């Protein structure tokens, strides 16, 4: 686990040197990690050959892992159903609303059990 921390900090340091922006211009909710931290975590996992998100979350230090989608009940991952593939899955859904020209107007994550119709009612 020590190597994960060291590699993460080194990659984050390099990203901070080459990047001017810390956050996207518009964010609906306050993120738990800034964009550079999330990108650094993803690059660290890739560098270390960790190709499973479950494995990555098990290896994360306790100071980071409890912050990710575990503090609010509405944000817990759960079981969903994909009618197109006639199969169940566990995790999250990405909801994206596009304009007629194909430009994303809104992007959000929800637990897998939230139906698209219910999400559209919320926005």
N, C-alpha and C. Protein backbone atom coordinates (compact mmCIF):
# COMPACT_ATOMS: atom_id res chain seq x y z
N UNK A 1 0.83 -1.20 0.00
CA UNK A 1 0.00 0.00 0.00
C UNK A 1 0.87 1.25 0.00
N UNK A 2 2.05 1.15 0.60
CA UNK A 2 2.95 2.29 0.64
C UNK A 2 3.33 2.74 -0.77
N UNK A 3 3.56 1.80 -1.69
CA UNK A 3 3.88 2.15 -3.07
C UNK A 3 2.75 2.90 -3.73
N UNK A 4 1.51 2.54 -3.42
CA UNK A 4 0.35 3.24 -3.97
C UNK A 4 0.38 4.71 -3.55
N UNK A 5 0.61 4.96 -2.28
CA UNK A 5 0.67 6.35 -1.79
C UNK A 5 1.80 7.13 -2.43
N UNK A 6 2.98 6.53 -2.49
CA UNK A 6 4.14 7.22 -3.05
C UNK A 6 3.93 7.53 -4.53
N UNK A 7 3.47 6.54 -5.29
CA UNK A 7 3.22 6.75 -6.72
C UNK A 7 2.14 7.79 -6.95
N UNK A 8 1.07 7.73 -6.15
CA UNK A 8 -0.02 8.70 -6.26
C UNK A 8 0.50 10.12 -6.03
N UNK A 9 1.26 10.31 -4.97
CA UNK A 9 1.78 11.65 -4.65
C UNK A 9 2.71 12.17 -5.75
N UNK A 10 3.54 11.30 -6.31
CA UNK A 10 4.45 11.73 -7.39
C UNK A 10 3.68 12.14 -8.64
N UNK A 11 2.71 11.32 -9.01
CA UNK A 11 1.91 11.63 -10.21
C UNK A 11 1.11 12.91 -9.99
N UNK A 12 0.53 13.07 -8.80
CA UNK A 12 -0.23 14.28 -8.49
C UNK A 12 0.66 15.52 -8.54
N UNK A 13 1.87 15.40 -8.05
CA UNK A 13 2.82 16.52 -8.09
C UNK A 13 3.11 16.95 -9.52
N UNK A 14 3.33 15.99 -10.41
CA UNK A 14 3.60 16.30 -11.81
C UNK A 14 2.37 16.94 -12.46
N UNK A 15 1.19 16.39 -12.19
CA UNK A 15 -0.03 16.96 -12.77
C UNK A 15 -0.26 18.39 -12.30
N UNK A 16 0.04 18.67 -11.06
CA UNK A 16 -0.13 20.04 -10.54
C UNK A 16 0.81 21.01 -11.24
N UNK A 17 2.00 20.55 -11.58
CA UNK A 17 2.96 21.41 -12.27
C UNK A 17 2.53 21.75 -13.69
N UNK A 18 1.88 20.79 -14.37
CA UNK A 18 1.55 21.02 -15.77
C UNK A 18 0.11 21.49 -15.99
N UNK A 19 -0.69 21.53 -14.93
CA UNK A 19 -2.09 21.91 -15.09
C UNK A 19 -2.37 23.26 -14.41
N UNK A 20 -3.19 24.05 -15.06
CA UNK A 20 -3.57 25.35 -14.50
C UNK A 20 -4.93 25.30 -13.82
N UNK A 21 -5.80 24.39 -14.28
CA UNK A 21 -7.15 24.32 -13.73
C UNK A 21 -7.27 23.23 -12.69
N UNK A 22 -8.06 23.50 -11.64
CA UNK A 22 -8.26 22.53 -10.57
C UNK A 22 -9.62 21.84 -10.68
N UNK A 23 -10.63 22.55 -11.13
CA UNK A 23 -11.99 22.00 -11.22
C UNK A 23 -12.63 22.38 -12.54
N UNK A 24 -13.63 21.61 -12.92
CA UNK A 24 -14.44 22.01 -14.07
C UNK A 24 -15.18 23.29 -13.73
N UNK A 25 -15.58 24.02 -14.74
CA UNK A 25 -16.24 25.30 -14.50
C UNK A 25 -17.57 25.14 -13.76
N UNK A 26 -18.35 24.11 -14.09
CA UNK A 26 -19.65 23.92 -13.45
C UNK A 26 -19.73 22.54 -12.85
N UNK A 27 -20.08 22.46 -11.58
CA UNK A 27 -20.28 21.17 -10.93
C UNK A 27 -21.51 21.27 -10.06
N UNK A 28 -22.41 20.31 -10.24
CA UNK A 28 -23.67 20.31 -9.50
C UNK A 28 -23.45 20.09 -8.01
N UNK A 29 -22.60 19.14 -7.67
CA UNK A 29 -22.30 18.84 -6.27
C UNK A 29 -20.82 19.09 -6.00
N UNK A 30 -20.50 19.39 -4.75
CA UNK A 30 -19.11 19.57 -4.37
C UNK A 30 -18.40 18.22 -4.43
N UNK A 31 -17.38 18.08 -5.25
CA UNK A 31 -16.70 16.78 -5.39
C UNK A 31 -15.87 16.44 -4.16
N UNK A 32 -15.68 15.14 -3.94
CA UNK A 32 -14.85 14.67 -2.82
C UNK A 32 -13.37 14.79 -3.14
N UNK A 33 -13.04 14.65 -4.41
CA UNK A 33 -11.66 14.80 -4.87
C UNK A 33 -11.66 15.82 -5.99
N UNK A 34 -10.62 16.65 -6.06
CA UNK A 34 -10.54 17.56 -7.19
C UNK A 34 -10.18 16.74 -8.43
N UNK A 35 -10.38 17.31 -9.60
CA UNK A 35 -10.15 16.59 -10.85
C UNK A 35 -8.73 16.03 -10.94
N UNK A 36 -7.75 16.83 -10.55
CA UNK A 36 -6.36 16.37 -10.62
C UNK A 36 -6.12 15.16 -9.71
N UNK A 37 -6.75 15.14 -8.54
CA UNK A 37 -6.59 14.00 -7.63
C UNK A 37 -7.19 12.74 -8.23
N UNK A 38 -8.35 12.89 -8.85
CA UNK A 38 -9.01 11.74 -9.46
C UNK A 38 -8.21 11.21 -10.66
N UNK A 39 -7.71 12.11 -11.48
CA UNK A 39 -6.90 11.71 -12.63
C UNK A 39 -5.60 11.05 -12.14
N UNK A 40 -5.02 11.62 -11.10
CA UNK A 40 -3.80 11.04 -10.54
C UNK A 40 -4.05 9.64 -9.99
N UNK A 41 -5.18 9.44 -9.33
CA UNK A 41 -5.53 8.13 -8.80
C UNK A 41 -5.72 7.12 -9.93
N UNK A 42 -6.37 7.54 -10.99
CA UNK A 42 -6.58 6.67 -12.15
C UNK A 42 -5.26 6.31 -12.82
N UNK A 43 -4.38 7.30 -13.00
CA UNK A 43 -3.07 7.04 -13.61
C UNK A 43 -2.20 6.15 -12.72
N UNK A 44 -2.29 6.34 -11.42
CA UNK A 44 -1.54 5.50 -10.49
C UNK A 44 -1.98 4.05 -10.59
N UNK A 45 -3.30 3.83 -10.62
CA UNK A 45 -3.82 2.47 -10.75
C UNK A 45 -3.36 1.84 -12.06
N UNK A 46 -3.39 2.60 -13.12
CA UNK A 46 -2.95 2.11 -14.43
C UNK A 46 -1.46 1.78 -14.40
N UNK A 47 -0.67 2.66 -13.82
CA UNK A 47 0.78 2.46 -13.72
C UNK A 47 1.12 1.21 -12.92
N UNK A 48 0.36 0.96 -11.86
CA UNK A 48 0.63 -0.18 -10.99
C UNK A 48 -0.03 -1.47 -11.45
N UNK A 49 -0.74 -1.41 -12.58
CA UNK A 49 -1.37 -2.61 -13.12
C UNK A 49 -2.63 -3.02 -12.40
N UNK A 50 -3.26 -2.08 -11.70
CA UNK A 50 -4.52 -2.37 -11.01
C UNK A 50 -5.64 -2.09 -12.00
N UNK A 51 -6.21 -3.15 -12.57
CA UNK A 51 -7.23 -2.96 -13.61
C UNK A 51 -8.65 -3.18 -13.09
N UNK A 52 -8.81 -3.41 -11.81
CA UNK A 52 -10.13 -3.60 -11.22
C UNK A 52 -10.40 -2.48 -10.22
N UNK A 53 -11.53 -1.79 -10.37
CA UNK A 53 -11.86 -0.72 -9.43
C UNK A 53 -12.09 -1.27 -8.03
N UNK A 54 -12.65 -2.48 -7.93
CA UNK A 54 -12.83 -3.09 -6.61
C UNK A 54 -11.48 -3.30 -5.93
N UNK A 55 -10.51 -3.78 -6.69
CA UNK A 55 -9.17 -3.99 -6.14
C UNK A 55 -8.54 -2.66 -5.74
N UNK A 56 -8.74 -1.63 -6.55
CA UNK A 56 -8.21 -0.31 -6.23
C UNK A 56 -8.82 0.22 -4.94
N UNK A 57 -10.14 0.13 -4.78
CA UNK A 57 -10.79 0.65 -3.58
C UNK A 57 -10.34 -0.11 -2.33
N UNK A 58 -10.02 -1.40 -2.49
CA UNK A 58 -9.51 -2.17 -1.34
C UNK A 58 -8.12 -1.70 -0.95
N UNK A 59 -7.35 -1.23 -1.91
CA UNK A 59 -5.97 -0.81 -1.64
C UNK A 59 -5.84 0.66 -1.25
N UNK A 60 -6.90 1.42 -1.40
CA UNK A 60 -6.82 2.85 -1.06
C UNK A 60 -6.63 3.04 0.44
N UNK A 61 -5.88 4.05 0.83
CA UNK A 61 -5.73 4.35 2.25
C UNK A 61 -7.08 4.70 2.87
N UNK A 62 -7.23 4.43 4.15
CA UNK A 62 -8.50 4.68 4.84
C UNK A 62 -8.89 6.15 4.82
N UNK A 63 -7.90 7.05 4.70
CA UNK A 63 -8.24 8.47 4.68
C UNK A 63 -8.94 8.88 3.38
N UNK A 64 -8.75 8.12 2.30
CA UNK A 64 -9.41 8.42 1.03
C UNK A 64 -10.65 7.56 0.83
N UNK A 65 -10.53 6.26 1.05
CA UNK A 65 -11.61 5.32 0.73
C UNK A 65 -12.94 5.64 1.38
N UNK A 66 -13.03 6.00 2.67
CA UNK A 66 -14.34 6.26 3.26
C UNK A 66 -15.05 7.46 2.65
N UNK A 67 -14.31 8.36 1.98
CA UNK A 67 -14.95 9.57 1.42
C UNK A 67 -15.69 9.29 0.14
N UNK A 68 -15.38 8.18 -0.55
CA UNK A 68 -15.90 7.95 -1.88
C UNK A 68 -17.25 7.25 -1.84
N UNK A 69 -18.33 7.99 -2.06
CA UNK A 69 -19.68 7.48 -2.21
C UNK A 69 -20.15 6.64 -1.03
N UNK A 70 -19.73 6.96 0.17
CA UNK A 70 -20.17 6.16 1.31
C UNK A 70 -20.73 7.00 2.44
N UNK A 71 -20.80 8.30 2.29
CA UNK A 71 -21.27 9.11 3.40
C UNK A 71 -22.77 9.39 3.35
N UNK A 72 -23.39 9.27 2.19
CA UNK A 72 -24.82 9.52 2.04
C UNK A 72 -25.50 8.28 1.46
N UNK A 73 -26.62 7.89 2.04
CA UNK A 73 -27.31 6.68 1.61
C UNK A 73 -27.72 6.77 0.14
N UNK A 74 -28.12 7.94 -0.33
CA UNK A 74 -28.55 8.07 -1.73
C UNK A 74 -27.41 7.84 -2.71
N UNK A 75 -26.17 7.90 -2.24
CA UNK A 75 -25.03 7.75 -3.14
C UNK A 75 -24.44 6.34 -3.15
N UNK A 76 -24.98 5.41 -2.33
CA UNK A 76 -24.45 4.05 -2.31
C UNK A 76 -24.68 3.37 -3.65
N UNK A 77 -23.72 2.62 -4.16
CA UNK A 77 -23.97 1.83 -5.38
C UNK A 77 -24.97 0.73 -5.05
N UNK A 78 -25.73 0.30 -6.04
CA UNK A 78 -26.67 -0.79 -5.80
C UNK A 78 -26.94 -1.57 -7.07
N UNK A 79 -27.91 -2.47 -7.00
CA UNK A 79 -28.21 -3.38 -8.10
C UNK A 79 -29.18 -2.74 -9.09
N UNK A 80 -28.88 -2.86 -10.37
CA UNK A 80 -29.74 -2.35 -11.43
C UNK A 80 -29.99 -3.43 -12.46
N UNK A 81 -30.88 -3.13 -13.39
CA UNK A 81 -31.22 -4.08 -14.45
C UNK A 81 -31.07 -3.40 -15.80
N UNK A 82 -30.40 -4.07 -16.74
CA UNK A 82 -30.24 -3.57 -18.10
C UNK A 82 -31.18 -4.38 -19.00
N UNK A 83 -32.26 -3.74 -19.47
CA UNK A 83 -33.23 -4.43 -20.31
C UNK A 83 -32.64 -4.82 -21.66
N UNK A 84 -31.75 -4.00 -22.20
CA UNK A 84 -31.16 -4.29 -23.52
C UNK A 84 -30.34 -5.58 -23.50
N UNK A 85 -29.66 -5.83 -22.40
CA UNK A 85 -28.84 -7.04 -22.29
C UNK A 85 -29.50 -8.12 -21.43
N UNK A 86 -30.68 -7.79 -20.89
CA UNK A 86 -31.44 -8.71 -20.04
C UNK A 86 -30.54 -9.27 -18.92
N UNK A 87 -29.85 -8.35 -18.21
CA UNK A 87 -28.95 -8.78 -17.14
C UNK A 87 -28.92 -7.75 -16.01
N UNK A 88 -28.55 -8.23 -14.84
CA UNK A 88 -28.39 -7.36 -13.68
C UNK A 88 -26.96 -6.88 -13.60
N UNK A 89 -26.76 -5.74 -12.96
CA UNK A 89 -25.42 -5.22 -12.73
C UNK A 89 -25.40 -4.46 -11.41
N UNK A 90 -24.22 -4.26 -10.88
CA UNK A 90 -24.06 -3.57 -9.60
C UNK A 90 -23.18 -2.36 -9.82
N UNK A 91 -23.58 -1.23 -9.31
CA UNK A 91 -22.76 -0.03 -9.44
C UNK A 91 -23.57 1.21 -9.63
N UNK A 92 -23.24 1.98 -10.66
CA UNK A 92 -23.83 3.29 -10.92
C UNK A 92 -24.29 3.40 -12.36
N UNK A 93 -25.10 4.42 -12.62
CA UNK A 93 -25.50 4.78 -13.98
C UNK A 93 -25.01 6.19 -14.25
N UNK A 94 -24.57 6.41 -15.48
CA UNK A 94 -24.21 7.75 -15.92
C UNK A 94 -25.37 8.28 -16.73
N UNK A 95 -25.92 9.41 -16.31
CA UNK A 95 -27.02 10.06 -17.02
C UNK A 95 -26.48 11.30 -17.71
N UNK A 96 -26.71 11.40 -19.00
CA UNK A 96 -26.25 12.56 -19.76
C UNK A 96 -27.41 13.12 -20.57
N UNK A 97 -27.60 14.43 -20.48
CA UNK A 97 -28.64 15.12 -21.23
C UNK A 97 -27.96 15.93 -22.33
N UNK A 98 -28.36 15.69 -23.58
CA UNK A 98 -27.74 16.35 -24.73
C UNK A 98 -28.71 17.32 -25.39
N UNK A 99 -28.17 18.33 -26.03
CA UNK A 99 -28.97 19.22 -26.85
C UNK A 99 -29.24 18.54 -28.19
N UNK A 100 -30.04 19.16 -29.02
CA UNK A 100 -30.33 18.63 -30.35
C UNK A 100 -29.06 18.52 -31.19
N UNK A 101 -28.11 19.40 -30.93
CA UNK A 101 -26.84 19.40 -31.66
C UNK A 101 -25.84 18.38 -31.12
N UNK A 102 -26.21 17.66 -30.07
CA UNK A 102 -25.33 16.64 -29.51
C UNK A 102 -24.35 17.15 -28.47
N UNK A 103 -24.58 18.35 -27.95
CA UNK A 103 -23.72 18.91 -26.92
C UNK A 103 -24.29 18.56 -25.55
N UNK A 104 -23.44 18.03 -24.65
CA UNK A 104 -23.91 17.67 -23.31
C UNK A 104 -24.30 18.91 -22.53
N UNK A 105 -25.50 18.89 -21.99
CA UNK A 105 -25.99 20.00 -21.17
C UNK A 105 -25.84 19.69 -19.69
N UNK A 106 -25.95 18.40 -19.34
CA UNK A 106 -25.88 17.98 -17.95
C UNK A 106 -25.39 16.55 -17.89
N UNK A 107 -24.53 16.26 -16.92
CA UNK A 107 -24.03 14.91 -16.70
C UNK A 107 -24.09 14.64 -15.21
N UNK A 108 -24.58 13.46 -14.83
CA UNK A 108 -24.68 13.13 -13.41
C UNK A 108 -24.62 11.62 -13.23
N UNK A 109 -24.23 11.18 -12.05
CA UNK A 109 -24.21 9.77 -11.69
C UNK A 109 -25.34 9.49 -10.71
N UNK A 110 -25.88 8.28 -10.78
CA UNK A 110 -26.88 7.85 -9.81
C UNK A 110 -26.64 6.38 -9.51
N UNK A 111 -27.19 5.87 -8.39
CA UNK A 111 -27.13 4.44 -8.14
C UNK A 111 -27.79 3.69 -9.29
N UNK A 112 -27.40 2.44 -9.50
CA UNK A 112 -27.88 1.66 -10.64
C UNK A 112 -29.39 1.45 -10.65
N UNK A 113 -30.01 1.46 -9.48
CA UNK A 113 -31.44 1.17 -9.42
C UNK A 113 -32.32 2.35 -9.84
N UNK A 114 -31.76 3.54 -9.98
CA UNK A 114 -32.56 4.71 -10.37
C UNK A 114 -32.90 4.60 -11.85
N UNK A 115 -34.19 4.55 -12.15
CA UNK A 115 -34.63 4.45 -13.54
C UNK A 115 -34.44 5.79 -14.24
N UNK A 116 -34.15 5.75 -15.54
CA UNK A 116 -33.90 6.97 -16.31
C UNK A 116 -35.06 7.94 -16.24
N UNK A 117 -36.28 7.44 -16.25
CA UNK A 117 -37.47 8.30 -16.20
C UNK A 117 -37.48 9.08 -14.88
N UNK A 118 -37.17 8.41 -13.77
CA UNK A 118 -37.16 9.08 -12.46
C UNK A 118 -36.06 10.12 -12.39
N UNK A 119 -34.94 9.85 -13.01
CA UNK A 119 -33.85 10.83 -13.03
C UNK A 119 -34.27 12.07 -13.81
N UNK A 120 -34.91 11.86 -14.96
CA UNK A 120 -35.35 13.01 -15.77
C UNK A 120 -36.36 13.88 -15.03
N UNK A 121 -37.20 13.26 -14.20
CA UNK A 121 -38.15 14.04 -13.41
C UNK A 121 -37.42 14.95 -12.43
N UNK A 122 -36.29 14.48 -11.90
CA UNK A 122 -35.52 15.27 -10.93
C UNK A 122 -34.86 16.48 -11.58
N UNK A 123 -34.43 16.35 -12.83
CA UNK A 123 -33.76 17.49 -13.45
C UNK A 123 -34.75 18.35 -14.21
